[in-house]
Amino acid sequence: MKRSKVRYDLILLLLAIVASVAVIRGNLSRYDSLERLEKRLVTEISRESERNKLLISRLKALETDGHIGLLARRRLGYVREDESAYKVIVKDRQ
């Protein structure tokens, strides 16, 4: 009777070890994938942070009076009081 009890206990112990190893391997695999995801996200956050700084500096440059005037002259055709405006008309060749 003692011998069968020892075998039964040994089998239960082995099953518990196998189950523990399976759970640990699954958790390690999940940990590795989460670690890779974290590295990728940290890199992406860094890249987007640099892009954000660039866009903020560009926005500040666009808000200056000189740049606003330049954009108004280029896009809207505005001229200063001391400037003359010319319009070039090109005829189609047909």
Protein backbone atom coordinates (compact mmCIF):
# COMPACT_ATOMS: atom_id res chain seq x y z
CA MET A 1 0.00 0.00 0.00
CA LYS A 2 2.80 2.39 0.82
CA ARG A 3 4.51 1.67 -2.47
CA SER A 4 1.41 2.55 -4.55
CA LYS A 5 0.90 5.71 -2.46
CA VAL A 6 4.48 6.77 -3.17
CA ARG A 7 4.00 6.14 -6.91
CA TYR A 8 0.72 8.06 -6.88
CA ASP A 9 2.40 10.98 -5.07
CA LEU A 10 5.34 10.85 -7.50
CA ILE A 11 3.01 10.91 -10.50
CA LEU A 12 1.11 13.87 -9.04
CA LEU A 13 4.40 15.66 -8.38
CA LEU A 14 5.58 15.07 -11.95
CA LEU A 15 2.25 16.29 -13.34
CA ALA A 16 2.47 19.40 -11.17
CA ILE A 17 6.03 20.06 -12.40
CA VAL A 18 5.02 19.58 -16.05
CA ALA A 19 2.03 21.90 -15.62
CA SER A 20 4.20 24.50 -13.87
CA VAL A 21 6.79 24.38 -16.65
CA ALA A 22 4.07 24.80 -19.28
CA VAL A 23 2.61 27.81 -17.48
CA ILE A 24 6.04 29.37 -16.96
CA ARG A 25 6.98 28.91 -20.63
CA GLY A 26 3.73 30.55 -21.72
CA ASN A 27 4.31 33.47 -19.39
CA LEU A 28 7.90 33.89 -20.58
CA SER A 29 6.73 33.90 -24.19
CA ARG A 30 4.14 36.54 -23.36
CA TYR A 31 6.76 38.56 -21.45
CA ASP A 32 9.11 38.50 -24.45
CA SER A 33 6.40 39.68 -26.83
CA LEU A 34 5.39 42.47 -24.43
CA GLU A 35 9.02 43.50 -24.06
CA ARG A 36 9.40 43.77 -27.86
CA LEU A 37 6.18 45.78 -28.03
CA GLU A 38 7.44 48.12 -25.32
CA LYS A 39 10.71 48.75 -27.20
CA ARG A 40 8.81 49.45 -30.41
CA LEU A 41 6.42 51.83 -28.65
CA VAL A 42 9.26 53.67 -26.89
CA THR A 43 10.96 54.17 -30.25
CA GLU A 44 7.71 55.37 -31.83
CA ILE A 45 7.04 57.77 -28.93
CA SER A 46 10.54 59.18 -29.28
CA ARG A 47 10.11 59.66 -33.03
CA GLU A 48 6.70 61.31 -32.62
CA SER A 49 8.06 63.55 -29.84
CA GLU A 50 10.78 64.82 -32.19
CA ARG A 51 8.17 65.36 -34.92
CA ASN A 52 6.00 67.25 -32.43
CA LYS A 53 8.93 69.55 -31.52
CA LEU A 54 9.58 70.19 -35.21
CA LEU A 55 5.93 71.03 -35.86
CA ILE A 56 5.78 73.37 -32.86
CA SER A 57 8.88 75.24 -34.04
CA ARG A 58 7.42 75.45 -37.56
CA LEU A 59 4.15 76.78 -36.15
CA LYS A 60 6.00 79.45 -34.18
CA ALA A 61 7.86 80.46 -37.34
CA LEU A 62 4.59 80.66 -39.28
CA GLU A 63 3.08 82.95 -36.66
CA THR A 64 5.63 85.74 -37.20
CA ASP A 65 4.44 88.85 -39.03
CA GLY A 66 7.07 88.55 -41.73
CA HIS A 67 6.08 85.02 -42.61
CA ILE A 68 2.37 85.84 -42.55
CA GLY A 69 3.01 88.71 -44.96
CA LEU A 70 5.06 86.46 -47.23
CA LEU A 71 2.30 83.87 -47.33
CA ALA A 72 -0.31 86.55 -48.01
CA ARG A 73 1.70 87.86 -50.96
CA ARG A 74 2.37 84.41 -52.40
CA ARG A 75 -1.00 82.76 -51.93
CA LEU A 76 -3.44 85.66 -52.00
CA GLY A 77 -1.63 88.06 -54.32
CA TYR A 78 -1.41 90.84 -51.74
CA VAL A 79 1.09 93.63 -52.37
CA ARG A 80 2.57 96.22 -50.06
CA GLU A 81 1.94 99.90 -50.62
CA ASP A 82 5.43 100.40 -52.07
CA GLU A 83 5.20 97.39 -54.42
CA SER A 84 3.70 97.02 -57.89
CA ALA A 85 1.76 93.95 -58.89
CA TYR A 86 2.04 92.39 -62.34
CA LYS A 87 -0.01 89.61 -63.79
CA VAL A 88 1.44 87.51 -66.60
CA ILE A 89 -1.09 86.12 -69.01
CA VAL A 90 -0.01 83.25 -71.22
CA LYS A 91 -2.05 82.45 -74.32
CA ASP A 92 -2.64 78.83 -75.19
CA ARG A 93 -0.92 77.65 -78.37
CA GLN A 94 -3.45 75.87 -80.51
